Amino acid sequence: MSTTTAVAPLTTQDADILVAAAYRAAEAAGVTVSVTVLDAGGQLLAFRRDDRAVLISGETSTRKAYTASS
């Protein structure tokens, strides 16, 4: 017997909460980050790059998020 569970799609508010949590964790670890949140279809919901993060980290973050979603 298999079961399926419906999962509500992420909202932009959810994405903002995830970005904020990632930034708190990065700050606690003393690192700079770029954070990308995608929906289940791989579409961008939220993105933020720390002012001190290297420029390429934005592209890297987005590509890693897409890879993880697929």
PDB file of N, CA and C in Angstrom:
ATOM      1  N   MET A   1       0.842  -1.171   0.000  1.00  0.00           N
ATOM      2  CA  MET A   1       0.000   0.000   0.000  1.00  0.00           C
ATOM      3  C   MET A   1       0.893   1.242   0.000  1.00  0.00           C
ATOM      4  N   SER A   2       0.657   2.125  -0.933  1.00  0.00           N
ATOM      5  CA  SER A   2       1.437   3.362  -0.964  1.00  0.00           C
ATOM      6  C   SER A   2       0.527   4.537  -0.619  1.00  0.00           C
ATOM      7  N   THR A   3       1.139   5.523  -0.064  1.00  0.00           N
ATOM      8  CA  THR A   3       0.394   6.730   0.277  1.00  0.00           C
ATOM      9  C   THR A   3       1.082   7.925  -0.337  1.00  0.00           C
ATOM     10  N   THR A   4       0.308   8.899  -0.647  1.00  0.00           N
ATOM     11  CA  THR A   4       0.862  10.154  -1.131  1.00  0.00           C
ATOM     12  C   THR A   4       0.421  11.258  -0.197  1.00  0.00           C
ATOM     13  N   THR A   5       1.265  12.231  -0.089  1.00  0.00           N
ATOM     14  CA  THR A   5       0.963  13.368   0.766  1.00  0.00           C
ATOM     15  C   THR A   5       1.030  14.631  -0.071  1.00  0.00           C
ATOM     16  N   ALA A   6      -0.007  15.410  -0.025  1.00  0.00           N
ATOM     17  CA  ALA A   6      -0.015  16.681  -0.737  1.00  0.00           C
ATOM     18  C   ALA A   6       0.805  17.691   0.061  1.00  0.00           C
ATOM     19  N   VAL A   7       1.631  18.411  -0.636  1.00  0.00           N
ATOM     20  CA  VAL A   7       2.458  19.431  -0.007  1.00  0.00           C
ATOM     21  C   VAL A   7       2.087  20.767  -0.640  1.00  0.00           C
ATOM     22  N   ALA A   8       1.793  21.738   0.189  1.00  0.00           N
ATOM     23  CA  ALA A   8       1.448  23.070  -0.325  1.00  0.00           C
ATOM     24  C   ALA A   8       2.678  23.703  -0.965  1.00  0.00           C
ATOM     25  N   PRO A   9       2.502  24.386  -2.077  1.00  0.00           N
ATOM     26  CA  PRO A   9       3.646  25.047  -2.715  1.00  0.00           C
ATOM     27  C   PRO A   9       4.190  26.168  -1.835  1.00  0.00           C
ATOM     28  N   LEU A  10       5.478  26.438  -1.994  1.00  0.00           N
ATOM     29  CA  LEU A  10       6.091  27.545  -1.259  1.00  0.00           C
ATOM     30  C   LEU A  10       5.494  28.867  -1.729  1.00  0.00           C
ATOM     31  N   THR A  11       5.308  29.758  -0.802  1.00  0.00           N
ATOM     32  CA  THR A  11       4.870  31.113  -1.131  1.00  0.00           C
ATOM     33  C   THR A  11       6.081  32.034  -1.074  1.00  0.00           C
ATOM     34  N   THR A  12       5.915  33.243  -1.545  1.00  0.00           N
ATOM     35  CA  THR A  12       7.014  34.206  -1.441  1.00  0.00           C
ATOM     36  C   THR A  12       7.299  34.522   0.025  1.00  0.00           C
ATOM     37  N   GLN A  13       6.282  34.478   0.862  1.00  0.00           N
ATOM     38  CA  GLN A  13       6.494  34.690   2.295  1.00  0.00           C
ATOM     39  C   GLN A  13       7.343  33.548   2.872  1.00  0.00           C
ATOM     40  N   ASP A  14       7.058  32.307   2.470  1.00  0.00           N
ATOM     41  CA  ASP A  14       7.877  31.161   2.892  1.00  0.00           C
ATOM     42  C   ASP A  14       9.325  31.366   2.453  1.00  0.00           C
ATOM     43  N   ALA A  15       9.503  31.801   1.212  1.00  0.00           N
ATOM     44  CA  ALA A  15      10.843  32.009   0.669  1.00  0.00           C
ATOM     45  C   ALA A  15      11.594  33.064   1.466  1.00  0.00           C
ATOM     46  N   ASP A  16      10.916  34.139   1.842  1.00  0.00           N
ATOM     47  CA  ASP A  16      11.551  35.183   2.655  1.00  0.00           C
ATOM     48  C   ASP A  16      11.990  34.642   4.009  1.00  0.00           C
ATOM     49  N   ILE A  17      11.180  33.779   4.603  1.00  0.00           N
ATOM     50  CA  ILE A  17      11.523  33.164   5.888  1.00  0.00           C
ATOM     51  C   ILE A  17      12.757  32.278   5.734  1.00  0.00           C
ATOM     52  N   LEU A  18      12.816  31.515   4.651  1.00  0.00           N
ATOM     53  CA  LEU A  18      13.974  30.652   4.399  1.00  0.00           C
ATOM     54  C   LEU A  18      15.246  31.467   4.179  1.00  0.00           C
ATOM     55  N   VAL A  19      15.148  32.550   3.433  1.00  0.00           N
ATOM     56  CA  VAL A  19      16.308  33.417   3.203  1.00  0.00           C
ATOM     57  C   VAL A  19      16.788  33.996   4.532  1.00  0.00           C
ATOM     58  N   ALA A  20      15.870  34.482   5.344  1.00  0.00           N
ATOM     59  CA  ALA A  20      16.249  35.054   6.638  1.00  0.00           C
ATOM     60  C   ALA A  20      16.921  34.015   7.533  1.00  0.00           C
ATOM     61  N   ALA A  21      16.405  32.804   7.541  1.00  0.00           N
ATOM     62  CA  ALA A  21      16.999  31.734   8.355  1.00  0.00           C
ATOM     63  C   ALA A  21      18.404  31.397   7.861  1.00  0.00           C
ATOM     64  N   ALA A  22      18.583  31.353   6.559  1.00  0.00           N
ATOM     65  CA  ALA A  22      19.905  31.064   5.999  1.00  0.00           C
ATOM     66  C   ALA A  22      20.898  32.160   6.362  1.00  0.00           C
ATOM     67  N   TYR A  23      20.452  33.394   6.325  1.00  0.00           N
ATOM     68  CA  TYR A  23      21.329  34.506   6.681  1.00  0.00           C
ATOM     69  C   TYR A  23      21.703  34.484   8.161  1.00  0.00           C
ATOM     70  N   ARG A  24      20.756  34.138   9.025  1.00  0.00           N
ATOM     71  CA  ARG A  24      21.080  34.022  10.455  1.00  0.00           C
ATOM     72  C   ARG A  24      22.121  32.933  10.685  1.00  0.00           C
ATOM     73  N   ALA A  25      21.947  31.802  10.007  1.00  0.00           N
ATOM     74  CA  ALA A  25      22.900  30.698  10.158  1.00  0.00           C
ATOM     75  C   ALA A  25      24.279  31.096   9.632  1.00  0.00           C
ATOM     76  N   ALA A  26      24.319  31.778   8.506  1.00  0.00           N
ATOM     77  CA  ALA A  26      25.601  32.210   7.942  1.00  0.00           C
ATOM     78  C   ALA A  26      26.285  33.219   8.852  1.00  0.00           C
ATOM     79  N   GLU A  27      25.505  34.137   9.384  1.00  0.00           N
ATOM     80  CA  GLU A  27      26.064  35.133  10.294  1.00  0.00           C
ATOM     81  C   GLU A  27      26.639  34.460  11.539  1.00  0.00           C
ATOM     82  N   ALA A  28      25.929  33.490  12.073  1.00  0.00           N
ATOM     83  CA  ALA A  28      26.400  32.759  13.255  1.00  0.00           C
ATOM     84  C   ALA A  28      27.690  32.002  12.952  1.00  0.00           C
ATOM     85  N   ALA A  29      27.828  31.534  11.709  1.00  0.00           N
ATOM     86  CA  ALA A  29      29.019  30.793  11.304  1.00  0.00           C
ATOM     87  C   ALA A  29      30.152  31.716  10.856  1.00  0.00           C
ATOM     88  N   GLY A  30      29.836  33.006  10.711  1.00  0.00           N
ATOM     89  CA  GLY A  30      30.852  33.969  10.300  1.00  0.00           C
ATOM     90  C   GLY A  30      31.223  33.889   8.832  1.00  0.00           C
ATOM     91  N   VAL A  31      30.263  33.519   7.996  1.00  0.00           N
ATOM     92  CA  VAL A  31      30.518  33.419   6.554  1.00  0.00           C
ATOM     93  C   VAL A  31      29.560  34.309   5.780  1.00  0.00           C
ATOM     94  N   THR A  32      29.957  34.660   4.571  1.00  0.00           N
ATOM     95  CA  THR A  32      29.072  35.421   3.686  1.00  0.00           C
ATOM     96  C   THR A  32      28.463  34.448   2.687  1.00  0.00           C
ATOM     97  N   VAL A  33      27.232  34.711   2.304  1.00  0.00           N
ATOM     98  CA  VAL A  33      26.521  33.778   1.433  1.00  0.00           C
ATOM     99  C   VAL A  33      25.659  34.493   0.409  1.00  0.00           C
ATOM    100  N   SER A  34      25.291  33.721  -0.594  1.00  0.00           N
ATOM    101  CA  SER A  34      24.205  34.076  -1.490  1.00  0.00           C
ATOM    102  C   SER A  34      23.176  32.971  -1.321  1.00  0.00           C
ATOM    103  N   VAL A  35      21.907  33.351  -1.240  1.00  0.00           N
ATOM    104  CA  VAL A  35      20.841  32.387  -0.983  1.00  0.00           C
ATOM    105  C   VAL A  35      19.819  32.463  -2.114  1.00  0.00           C
ATOM    106  N   THR A  36      19.487  31.303  -2.649  1.00  0.00           N
ATOM    107  CA  THR A  36      18.480  31.201  -3.703  1.00  0.00           C
ATOM    108  C   THR A  36      17.399  30.234  -3.256  1.00  0.00           C
ATOM    109  N   VAL A  37      16.143  30.628  -3.416  1.00  0.00           N
ATOM    110  CA  VAL A  37      15.019  29.744  -3.110  1.00  0.00           C
ATOM    111  C   VAL A  37      14.199  29.595  -4.392  1.00  0.00           C
ATOM    112  N   LEU A  38      14.011  28.332  -4.783  1.00  0.00           N
ATOM    113  CA  LEU A  38      13.228  28.029  -5.969  1.00  0.00           C
ATOM    114  C   LEU A  38      11.948  27.303  -5.576  1.00  0.00           C
ATOM    115  N   ASP A  39      10.944  27.382  -6.436  1.00  0.00           N
ATOM    116  CA  ASP A  39       9.733  26.590  -6.200  1.00  0.00           C
ATOM    117  C   ASP A  39       9.956  25.174  -6.728  1.00  0.00           C
ATOM    118  N   ALA A  40       8.965  24.330  -6.606  1.00  0.00           N
ATOM    119  CA  ALA A  40       9.096  22.928  -7.012  1.00  0.00           C
ATOM    120  C   ALA A  40       9.395  22.778  -8.502  1.00  0.00           C
ATOM    121  N   GLY A  41       9.033  23.754  -9.292  1.00  0.00           N
ATOM    122  CA  GLY A  41       9.296  23.707 -10.727  1.00  0.00           C
ATOM    123  C   GLY A  41      10.631  24.312 -11.114  1.00  0.00           C
ATOM    124  N   GLY A  42      11.424  24.729 -10.132  1.00  0.00           N
ATOM    125  CA  GLY A  42      12.735  25.302 -10.409  1.00  0.00           C
ATOM    126  C   GLY A  42      12.713  26.777 -10.754  1.00  0.00           C
ATOM    127  N   GLN A  43      11.589  27.444 -10.468  1.00  0.00           N
ATOM    128  CA  GLN A  43      11.477  28.871 -10.760  1.00  0.00           C
ATOM    129  C   GLN A  43      11.871  29.693  -9.522  1.00  0.00           C
ATOM    130  N   LEU A  44      12.544  30.803  -9.769  1.00  0.00           N
ATOM    131  CA  LEU A  44      13.053  31.646  -8.691  1.00  0.00           C
ATOM    132  C   LEU A  44      11.929  32.251  -7.859  1.00  0.00           C
ATOM    133  N   LEU A  45      12.017  32.064  -6.538  1.00  0.00           N
ATOM    134  CA  LEU A  45      11.087  32.707  -5.611  1.00  0.00           C
ATOM    135  C   LEU A  45      11.768  33.830  -4.836  1.00  0.00           C
ATOM    136  N   ALA A  46      13.036  33.603  -4.463  1.00  0.00           N
ATOM    137  CA  ALA A  46      13.752  34.617  -3.697  1.00  0.00           C
ATOM    138  C   ALA A  46      15.251  34.445  -3.916  1.00  0.00           C
ATOM    139  N   PHE A  47      15.954  35.568  -3.868  1.00  0.00           N
ATOM    140  CA  PHE A  47      17.407  35.552  -3.991  1.00  0.00           C
ATOM    141  C   PHE A  47      17.959  36.715  -3.182  1.00  0.00           C
ATOM    142  N   ARG A  48      19.082  36.459  -2.521  1.00  0.00           N
ATOM    143  CA  ARG A  48      19.771  37.535  -1.810  1.00  0.00           C
ATOM    144  C   ARG A  48      21.249  37.209  -1.737  1.00  0.00           C
ATOM    145  N   ARG A  49      22.082  38.178  -2.081  1.00  0.00           N
ATOM    146  CA  ARG A  49      23.535  38.041  -1.986  1.00  0.00           C
ATOM    147  C   ARG A  49      24.039  39.008  -0.943  1.00  0.00           C
ATOM    148  N   ASP A  50      24.803  38.500   0.000  1.00  0.00           N
ATOM    149  CA  ASP A  50      25.416  39.342   1.018  1.00  0.00           C
ATOM    150  C   ASP A  50      26.304  40.372   0.328  1.00  0.00           C
ATOM    151  N   ASP A  51      26.330  41.595   0.826  1.00  0.00           N
ATOM    152  CA  ASP A  51      27.146  42.655   0.237  1.00  0.00           C
ATOM    153  C   ASP A  51      28.616  42.264   0.136  1.00  0.00           C
ATOM    154  N   ARG A  52      29.072  41.444   1.057  1.00  0.00           N
ATOM    155  CA  ARG A  52      30.483  41.063   1.100  1.00  0.00           C
ATOM    156  C   ARG A  52      30.784  39.765   0.353  1.00  0.00           C
ATOM    157  N   ALA A  53      29.770  39.099  -0.159  1.00  0.00           N
ATOM    158  CA  ALA A  53      29.984  37.837  -0.877  1.00  0.00           C
ATOM    159  C   ALA A  53      30.594  38.109  -2.252  1.00  0.00           C
ATOM    160  N   VAL A  54      31.396  37.182  -2.705  1.00  0.00           N
ATOM    161  CA  VAL A  54      31.990  37.341  -4.032  1.00  0.00           C
ATOM    162  C   VAL A  54      30.881  37.345  -5.083  1.00  0.00           C
ATOM    163  N   LEU A  55      31.095  38.075  -6.146  1.00  0.00           N
ATOM    164  CA  LEU A  55      30.048  38.250  -7.153  1.00  0.00           C
ATOM    165  C   LEU A  55      29.581  36.938  -7.765  1.00  0.00           C
ATOM    166  N   ILE A  56      30.481  36.020  -8.022  1.00  0.00           N
ATOM    167  CA  ILE A  56      30.107  34.755  -8.667  1.00  0.00           C
ATOM    168  C   ILE A  56      29.213  33.903  -7.769  1.00  0.00           C
ATOM    169  N   SER A  57      29.197  34.179  -6.472  1.00  0.00           N
ATOM    170  CA  SER A  57      28.399  33.349  -5.565  1.00  0.00           C
ATOM    171  C   SER A  57      26.902  33.418  -5.879  1.00  0.00           C
ATOM    172  N   GLY A  58      26.456  34.509  -6.450  1.00  0.00           N
ATOM    173  CA  GLY A  58      25.047  34.620  -6.834  1.00  0.00           C
ATOM    174  C   GLY A  58      24.684  33.610  -7.907  1.00  0.00           C
ATOM    175  N   GLU A  59      25.501  33.540  -8.936  1.00  0.00           N
ATOM    176  CA  GLU A  59      25.266  32.584 -10.021  1.00  0.00           C
ATOM    177  C   GLU A  59      25.418  31.155  -9.511  1.00  0.00           C
ATOM    178  N   THR A  60      26.426  30.924  -8.691  1.00  0.00           N
ATOM    179  CA  THR A  60      26.659  29.591  -8.139  1.00  0.00           C
ATOM    180  C   THR A  60      25.485  29.144  -7.278  1.00  0.00           C
ATOM    181  N   SER A  61      24.986  30.041  -6.449  1.00  0.00           N
ATOM    182  CA  SER A  61      23.852  29.725  -5.581  1.00  0.00           C
ATOM    183  C   SER A  61      22.630  29.317  -6.399  1.00  0.00           C
ATOM    184  N   THR A  62      22.355  30.063  -7.429  1.00  0.00           N
ATOM    185  CA  THR A  62      21.189  29.789  -8.257  1.00  0.00           C
ATOM    186  C   THR A  62      21.346  28.464  -9.005  1.00  0.00           C
ATOM    187  N   ARG A  63      22.521  28.202  -9.515  1.00  0.00           N
ATOM    188  CA  ARG A  63      22.751  26.942 -10.240  1.00  0.00           C
ATOM    189  C   ARG A  63      22.665  25.744  -9.305  1.00  0.00           C
ATOM    190  N   LYS A  64      23.219  25.884  -8.103  1.00  0.00           N
ATOM    191  CA  LYS A  64      23.143  24.783  -7.133  1.00  0.00           C
ATOM    192  C   LYS A  64      21.701  24.524  -6.716  1.00  0.00           C
ATOM    193  N   ALA A  65      20.938  25.592  -6.521  1.00  0.00           N
ATOM    194  CA  ALA A  65      19.538  25.425  -6.144  1.00  0.00           C
ATOM    195  C   ALA A  65      18.766  24.720  -7.248  1.00  0.00           C
ATOM    196  N   TYR A  66      19.037  25.090  -8.495  1.00  0.00           N
ATOM    197  CA  TYR A  66      18.338  24.451  -9.613  1.00  0.00           C
ATOM    198  C   TYR A  66      18.702  22.966  -9.698  1.00  0.00           C
ATOM    199  N   THR A  67      19.996  22.668  -9.523  1.00  0.00           N
ATOM    200  CA  THR A  67      20.439  21.272  -9.560  1.00  0.00           C
ATOM    201  C   THR A  67      19.767  20.473  -8.456  1.00  0.00           C
ATOM    202  N   ALA A  68      19.697  21.041  -7.270  1.00  0.00           N
ATOM    203  CA  ALA A  68      19.067  20.350  -6.154  1.00  0.00           C
ATOM    204  C   ALA A  68      17.578  20.118  -6.407  1.00  0.00           C
ATOM    205  N   SER A  69      16.925  21.059  -7.081  1.00  0.00           N
ATOM    206  CA  SER A  69      15.487  20.900  -7.315  1.00  0.00           C
ATOM    207  C   SER A  69      15.182  19.885  -8.406  1.00  0.00           C
ATOM    208  N   SER A  70      16.145  19.634  -9.267  1.00  0.00           N
ATOM    209  CA  SER A  70      15.907  18.676 -10.358  1.00  0.00           C
ATOM    210  C   SER A  70      16.446  17.337 -10.001  1.00  0.00           C
TER     211      SER A  70
END
